[in-house]
Amino acid sequence: MPGKIALVNFNKCRPEMCEKGICKAVQACRYKLLIQEKSHDVPLSDPFICRGCGDCVRVCPLKAIEITNN
């Protein structure tokens, strides 16, 4: 069943632009489905569990995350 998911654009994402390298989008994900292994790493979303709510999209200062249909 198709749904919406958050995808990180690796060309736009610059975790060093977020405070202490901690991605603002990861912090904003109320379901804790956007994962950042360690500070300054690019976050990853899991398309099988992402709910496509858009919280991460709204807070990303670089607009590096998009909601798309899978």
PDB file of N, CA and C in Angstrom:
ATOM      1  N   MET A   1       0.847  -1.178   0.000  1.00  0.00           N
ATOM      2  CA  MET A   1       0.000   0.000   0.000  1.00  0.00           C
ATOM      3  C   MET A   1       0.894   1.243   0.000  1.00  0.00           C
ATOM      4  N   PRO A   2       0.718   2.115  -0.989  1.00  0.00           N
ATOM      5  CA  PRO A   2       1.536   3.321  -1.059  1.00  0.00           C
ATOM      6  C   PRO A   2       1.247   4.267   0.097  1.00  0.00           C
ATOM      7  N   GLY A   3       2.283   4.964   0.489  1.00  0.00           N
ATOM      8  CA  GLY A   3       2.148   5.952   1.549  1.00  0.00           C
ATOM      9  C   GLY A   3       3.198   7.025   1.373  1.00  0.00           C
ATOM     10  N   LYS A   4       3.225   7.946   2.300  1.00  0.00           N
ATOM     11  CA  LYS A   4       4.212   9.022   2.240  1.00  0.00           C
ATOM     12  C   LYS A   4       5.373   8.691   3.152  1.00  0.00           C
ATOM     13  N   ILE A   5       6.585   9.060   2.701  1.00  0.00           N
ATOM     14  CA  ILE A   5       7.785   8.851   3.502  1.00  0.00           C
ATOM     15  C   ILE A   5       8.695  10.067   3.393  1.00  0.00           C
ATOM     16  N   ALA A   6       9.549  10.231   4.384  1.00  0.00           N
ATOM     17  CA  ALA A   6      10.544  11.300   4.375  1.00  0.00           C
ATOM     18  C   ALA A   6      11.829  10.757   3.776  1.00  0.00           C
ATOM     19  N   LEU A   7      12.389  11.496   2.825  1.00  0.00           N
ATOM     20  CA  LEU A   7      13.663  11.120   2.221  1.00  0.00           C
ATOM     21  C   LEU A   7      14.663  12.244   2.446  1.00  0.00           C
ATOM     22  N   VAL A   8      15.871  11.872   2.849  1.00  0.00           N
ATOM     23  CA  VAL A   8      16.943  12.835   3.088  1.00  0.00           C
ATOM     24  C   VAL A   8      17.733  13.014   1.796  1.00  0.00           C
ATOM     25  N   ASN A   9      17.897  14.260   1.383  1.00  0.00           N
ATOM     26  CA  ASN A   9      18.725  14.580   0.216  1.00  0.00           C
ATOM     27  C   ASN A   9      20.158  14.737   0.728  1.00  0.00           C
ATOM     28  N   PHE A  10      21.005  13.744   0.429  1.00  0.00           N
ATOM     29  CA  PHE A  10      22.368  13.736   0.947  1.00  0.00           C
ATOM     30  C   PHE A  10      23.214  14.875   0.398  1.00  0.00           C
ATOM     31  N   ASN A  11      22.831  15.423  -0.741  1.00  0.00           N
ATOM     32  CA  ASN A  11      23.570  16.551  -1.320  1.00  0.00           C
ATOM     33  C   ASN A  11      23.293  17.863  -0.589  1.00  0.00           C
ATOM     34  N   LYS A  12      22.137  17.963   0.049  1.00  0.00           N
ATOM     35  CA  LYS A  12      21.763  19.189   0.757  1.00  0.00           C
ATOM     36  C   LYS A  12      22.039  19.125   2.255  1.00  0.00           C
ATOM     37  N   CYS A  13      22.031  17.930   2.810  1.00  0.00           N
ATOM     38  CA  CYS A  13      22.141  17.763   4.265  1.00  0.00           C
ATOM     39  C   CYS A  13      23.548  18.103   4.742  1.00  0.00           C
ATOM     40  N   ARG A  14      23.619  18.966   5.735  1.00  0.00           N
ATOM     41  CA  ARG A  14      24.887  19.371   6.356  1.00  0.00           C
ATOM     42  C   ARG A  14      24.681  19.398   7.871  1.00  0.00           C
ATOM     43  N   PRO A  15      24.817  18.241   8.529  1.00  0.00           N
ATOM     44  CA  PRO A  15      24.573  18.182   9.977  1.00  0.00           C
ATOM     45  C   PRO A  15      25.428  19.161  10.777  1.00  0.00           C
ATOM     46  N   GLU A  16      26.581  19.534  10.248  1.00  0.00           N
ATOM     47  CA  GLU A  16      27.437  20.476  10.973  1.00  0.00           C
ATOM     48  C   GLU A  16      26.775  21.850  11.101  1.00  0.00           C
ATOM     49  N   MET A  17      25.749  22.113  10.315  1.00  0.00           N
ATOM     50  CA  MET A  17      25.022  23.373  10.399  1.00  0.00           C
ATOM     51  C   MET A  17      24.046  23.381  11.583  1.00  0.00           C
ATOM     52  N   CYS A  18      23.742  22.201  12.110  1.00  0.00           N
ATOM     53  CA  CYS A  18      22.864  22.106  13.276  1.00  0.00           C
ATOM     54  C   CYS A  18      23.726  22.166  14.544  1.00  0.00           C
ATOM     55  N   GLU A  19      23.140  22.615  15.617  1.00  0.00           N
ATOM     56  CA  GLU A  19      23.879  22.791  16.863  1.00  0.00           C
ATOM     57  C   GLU A  19      24.549  21.493  17.309  1.00  0.00           C
ATOM     58  N   LYS A  20      25.852  21.543  17.485  1.00  0.00           N
ATOM     59  CA  LYS A  20      26.682  20.412  17.922  1.00  0.00           C
ATOM     60  C   LYS A  20      26.585  19.213  16.978  1.00  0.00           C
ATOM     61  N   GLY A  21      26.166  19.444  15.728  1.00  0.00           N
ATOM     62  CA  GLY A  21      26.072  18.367  14.753  1.00  0.00           C
ATOM     63  C   GLY A  21      24.882  17.455  14.954  1.00  0.00           C
ATOM     64  N   ILE A  22      23.990  17.838  15.865  1.00  0.00           N
ATOM     65  CA  ILE A  22      22.789  17.039  16.130  1.00  0.00           C
ATOM     66  C   ILE A  22      21.672  17.559  15.232  1.00  0.00           C
ATOM     67  N   CYS A  23      21.220  16.714  14.343  1.00  0.00           N
ATOM     68  CA  CYS A  23      20.211  17.085  13.347  1.00  0.00           C
ATOM     69  C   CYS A  23      18.908  17.547  14.005  1.00  0.00           C
ATOM     70  N   LYS A  24      18.455  18.730  13.614  1.00  0.00           N
ATOM     71  CA  LYS A  24      17.204  19.268  14.150  1.00  0.00           C
ATOM     72  C   LYS A  24      16.014  18.409  13.748  1.00  0.00           C
ATOM     73  N   ALA A  25      16.084  17.845  12.556  1.00  0.00           N
ATOM     74  CA  ALA A  25      14.980  17.005  12.074  1.00  0.00           C
ATOM     75  C   ALA A  25      14.857  15.731  12.901  1.00  0.00           C
ATOM     76  N   VAL A  26      15.980  15.153  13.285  1.00  0.00           N
ATOM     77  CA  VAL A  26      15.957  13.957  14.135  1.00  0.00           C
ATOM     78  C   VAL A  26      15.281  14.283  15.463  1.00  0.00           C
ATOM     79  N   GLN A  27      15.619  15.423  16.020  1.00  0.00           N
ATOM     80  CA  GLN A  27      15.030  15.841  17.294  1.00  0.00           C
ATOM     81  C   GLN A  27      13.532  16.111  17.156  1.00  0.00           C
ATOM     82  N   ALA A  28      13.108  16.540  15.983  1.00  0.00           N
ATOM     83  CA  ALA A  28      11.700  16.903  15.777  1.00  0.00           C
ATOM     84  C   ALA A  28      10.805  15.702  15.491  1.00  0.00           C
ATOM     85  N   CYS A  29      11.390  14.575  15.125  1.00  0.00           N
ATOM     86  CA  CYS A  29      10.571  13.404  14.772  1.00  0.00           C
ATOM     87  C   CYS A  29       9.892  12.858  16.023  1.00  0.00           C
ATOM     88  N   ARG A  30       8.610  13.094  16.134  1.00  0.00           N
ATOM     89  CA  ARG A  30       7.886  12.679  17.339  1.00  0.00           C
ATOM     90  C   ARG A  30       7.797  11.164  17.476  1.00  0.00           C
ATOM     91  N   TYR A  31       7.975  10.451  16.371  1.00  0.00           N
ATOM     92  CA  TYR A  31       7.920   8.987  16.403  1.00  0.00           C
ATOM     93  C   TYR A  31       9.314   8.364  16.534  1.00  0.00           C
ATOM     94  N   LYS A  32      10.369   9.212  16.520  1.00  0.00           N
ATOM     95  CA  LYS A  32      11.763   8.771  16.640  1.00  0.00           C
ATOM     96  C   LYS A  32      12.123   7.767  15.539  1.00  0.00           C
ATOM     97  N   LEU A  33      11.682   8.077  14.316  1.00  0.00           N
ATOM     98  CA  LEU A  33      11.915   7.189  13.181  1.00  0.00           C
ATOM     99  C   LEU A  33      13.035   7.671  12.274  1.00  0.00           C
ATOM    100  N   LEU A  34      13.476   8.887  12.457  1.00  0.00           N
ATOM    101  CA  LEU A  34      14.613   9.426  11.712  1.00  0.00           C
ATOM    102  C   LEU A  34      15.829   9.211  12.613  1.00  0.00           C
ATOM    103  N   ILE A  35      16.834   8.530  12.093  1.00  0.00           N
ATOM    104  CA  ILE A  35      17.959   8.087  12.922  1.00  0.00           C
ATOM    105  C   ILE A  35      19.262   8.773  12.506  1.00  0.00           C
ATOM    106  N   GLN A  36      20.005   9.231  13.498  1.00  0.00           N
ATOM    107  CA  GLN A  36      21.344   9.778  13.279  1.00  0.00           C
ATOM    108  C   GLN A  36      22.280   8.971  14.182  1.00  0.00           C
ATOM    109  N   GLU A  37      23.144   8.171  13.573  1.00  0.00           N
ATOM    110  CA  GLU A  37      24.028   7.271  14.332  1.00  0.00           C
ATOM    111  C   GLU A  37      24.867   8.016  15.364  1.00  0.00           C
ATOM    112  N   LYS A  38      25.510   9.111  14.944  1.00  0.00           N
ATOM    113  CA  LYS A  38      26.287   9.931  15.858  1.00  0.00           C
ATOM    114  C   LYS A  38      26.265  11.366  15.343  1.00  0.00           C
ATOM    115  N   SER A  39      26.659  12.305  16.185  1.00  0.00           N
ATOM    116  CA  SER A  39      26.625  13.707  15.768  1.00  0.00           C
ATOM    117  C   SER A  39      27.482  13.895  14.518  1.00  0.00           C
ATOM    118  N   HIS A  40      27.059  14.795  13.681  1.00  0.00           N
ATOM    119  CA  HIS A  40      27.682  15.136  12.405  1.00  0.00           C
ATOM    120  C   HIS A  40      27.451  14.092  11.311  1.00  0.00           C
ATOM    121  N   ASP A  41      26.728  13.009  11.601  1.00  0.00           N
ATOM    122  CA  ASP A  41      26.353  12.045  10.565  1.00  0.00           C
ATOM    123  C   ASP A  41      25.054  12.498   9.911  1.00  0.00           C
ATOM    124  N   VAL A  42      24.894  12.170   8.643  1.00  0.00           N
ATOM    125  CA  VAL A  42      23.646  12.456   7.936  1.00  0.00           C
ATOM    126  C   VAL A  42      22.570  11.501   8.478  1.00  0.00           C
ATOM    127  N   PRO A  43      21.397  12.017   8.817  1.00  0.00           N
ATOM    128  CA  PRO A  43      20.344  11.148   9.335  1.00  0.00           C
ATOM    129  C   PRO A  43      19.752  10.262   8.237  1.00  0.00           C
ATOM    130  N   LEU A  44      19.172   9.162   8.657  1.00  0.00           N
ATOM    131  CA  LEU A  44      18.540   8.217   7.742  1.00  0.00           C
ATOM    132  C   LEU A  44      17.107   7.973   8.171  1.00  0.00           C
ATOM    133  N   SER A  45      16.252   7.802   7.185  1.00  0.00           N
ATOM    134  CA  SER A  45      14.872   7.430   7.475  1.00  0.00           C
ATOM    135  C   SER A  45      14.664   5.998   7.020  1.00  0.00           C
ATOM    136  N   ASP A  46      13.775   5.306   7.681  1.00  0.00           N
ATOM    137  CA  ASP A  46      13.436   3.942   7.294  1.00  0.00           C
ATOM    138  C   ASP A  46      12.098   4.002   6.562  1.00  0.00           C
ATOM    139  N   PRO A  47      12.098   3.754   5.250  1.00  0.00           N
ATOM    140  CA  PRO A  47      10.862   3.892   4.480  1.00  0.00           C
ATOM    141  C   PRO A  47       9.766   2.916   4.902  1.00  0.00           C
ATOM    142  N   PHE A  48      10.132   1.870   5.619  1.00  0.00           N
ATOM    143  CA  PHE A  48       9.130   0.891   6.038  1.00  0.00           C
ATOM    144  C   PHE A  48       8.386   1.317   7.295  1.00  0.00           C
ATOM    145  N   ILE A  49       8.987   2.246   8.069  1.00  0.00           N
ATOM    146  CA  ILE A  49       8.303   2.667   9.292  1.00  0.00           C
ATOM    147  C   ILE A  49       7.965   4.154   9.334  1.00  0.00           C
ATOM    148  N   CYS A  50       8.537   4.943   8.422  1.00  0.00           N
ATOM    149  CA  CYS A  50       8.247   6.382   8.387  1.00  0.00           C
ATOM    150  C   CYS A  50       6.765   6.597   8.125  1.00  0.00           C
ATOM    151  N   ARG A  51       6.170   7.520   8.848  1.00  0.00           N
ATOM    152  CA  ARG A  51       4.738   7.799   8.709  1.00  0.00           C
ATOM    153  C   ARG A  51       4.444   8.983   7.798  1.00  0.00           C
ATOM    154  N   GLY A  52       5.495   9.684   7.374  1.00  0.00           N
ATOM    155  CA  GLY A  52       5.316  10.801   6.451  1.00  0.00           C
ATOM    156  C   GLY A  52       4.578  11.985   7.041  1.00  0.00           C
ATOM    157  N   CYS A  53       4.732  12.209   8.346  1.00  0.00           N
ATOM    158  CA  CYS A  53       4.000  13.291   9.015  1.00  0.00           C
ATOM    159  C   CYS A  53       4.521  14.678   8.637  1.00  0.00           C
ATOM    160  N   GLY A  54       5.828  14.767   8.283  1.00  0.00           N
ATOM    161  CA  GLY A  54       6.396  16.036   7.853  1.00  0.00           C
ATOM    162  C   GLY A  54       7.014  16.883   8.941  1.00  0.00           C
ATOM    163  N   ASP A  55       7.032  16.413  10.181  1.00  0.00           N
ATOM    164  CA  ASP A  55       7.649  17.191  11.266  1.00  0.00           C
ATOM    165  C   ASP A  55       9.114  17.501  10.950  1.00  0.00           C
ATOM    166  N   CYS A  56       9.826  16.513  10.436  1.00  0.00           N
ATOM    167  CA  CYS A  56      11.247  16.693  10.123  1.00  0.00           C
ATOM    168  C   CYS A  56      11.451  17.706   8.999  1.00  0.00           C
ATOM    169  N   VAL A  57      10.561  17.697   8.042  1.00  0.00           N
ATOM    170  CA  VAL A  57      10.654  18.616   6.896  1.00  0.00           C
ATOM    171  C   VAL A  57      10.518  20.059   7.359  1.00  0.00           C
ATOM    172  N   ARG A  58       9.600  20.303   8.251  1.00  0.00           N
ATOM    173  CA  ARG A  58       9.330  21.662   8.710  1.00  0.00           C
ATOM    174  C   ARG A  58      10.492  22.287   9.482  1.00  0.00           C
ATOM    175  N   VAL A  59      11.304  21.498  10.162  1.00  0.00           N
ATOM    176  CA  VAL A  59      12.375  22.074  10.978  1.00  0.00           C
ATOM    177  C   VAL A  59      13.747  22.071  10.313  1.00  0.00           C
ATOM    178  N   CYS A  60      13.933  21.336   9.237  1.00  0.00           N
ATOM    179  CA  CYS A  60      15.243  21.268   8.597  1.00  0.00           C
ATOM    180  C   CYS A  60      15.591  22.626   8.002  1.00  0.00           C
ATOM    181  N   PRO A  61      16.667  23.267   8.501  1.00  0.00           N
ATOM    182  CA  PRO A  61      17.014  24.603   8.026  1.00  0.00           C
ATOM    183  C   PRO A  61      17.518  24.633   6.586  1.00  0.00           C
ATOM    184  N   LEU A  62      17.965  23.494   6.079  1.00  0.00           N
ATOM    185  CA  LEU A  62      18.510  23.438   4.717  1.00  0.00           C
ATOM    186  C   LEU A  62      17.541  22.824   3.713  1.00  0.00           C
ATOM    187  N   LYS A  63      16.337  22.511   4.161  1.00  0.00           N
ATOM    188  CA  LYS A  63      15.328  21.896   3.293  1.00  0.00           C
ATOM    189  C   LYS A  63      15.886  20.636   2.624  1.00  0.00           C
ATOM    190  N   ALA A  64      16.604  19.835   3.418  1.00  0.00           N
ATOM    191  CA  ALA A  64      17.254  18.634   2.897  1.00  0.00           C
ATOM    192  C   ALA A  64      16.375  17.391   3.017  1.00  0.00           C
ATOM    193  N   ILE A  65      15.168  17.544   3.544  1.00  0.00           N
ATOM    194  CA  ILE A  65      14.262  16.405   3.681  1.00  0.00           C
ATOM    195  C   ILE A  65      12.969  16.720   2.945  1.00  0.00           C
ATOM    196  N   GLU A  66      12.495  15.741   2.200  1.00  0.00           N
ATOM    197  CA  GLU A  66      11.253  15.897   1.435  1.00  0.00           C
ATOM    198  C   GLU A  66      10.312  14.740   1.738  1.00  0.00           C
ATOM    199  N   ILE A  67       9.036  15.026   1.681  1.00  0.00           N
ATOM    200  CA  ILE A  67       8.026  13.974   1.788  1.00  0.00           C
ATOM    201  C   ILE A  67       7.669  13.560   0.374  1.00  0.00           C
ATOM    202  N   THR A  68       7.699  12.267   0.131  1.00  0.00           N
ATOM    203  CA  THR A  68       7.372  11.736  -1.181  1.00  0.00           C
ATOM    204  C   THR A  68       6.494  10.507  -1.056  1.00  0.00           C
ATOM    205  N   ASN A  69       5.830  10.154  -2.111  1.00  0.00           N
ATOM    206  CA  ASN A  69       5.034   8.925  -2.135  1.00  0.00           C
ATOM    207  C   ASN A  69       5.953   7.765  -2.448  1.00  0.00           C
ATOM    208  N   ASN A  70       5.796   6.675  -1.702  1.00  0.00           N
ATOM    209  CA  ASN A  70       6.626   5.506  -1.997  1.00  0.00           C
ATOM    210  C   ASN A  70       5.892   4.510  -2.848  1.00  0.00           C
TER     211      ASN A  70
END
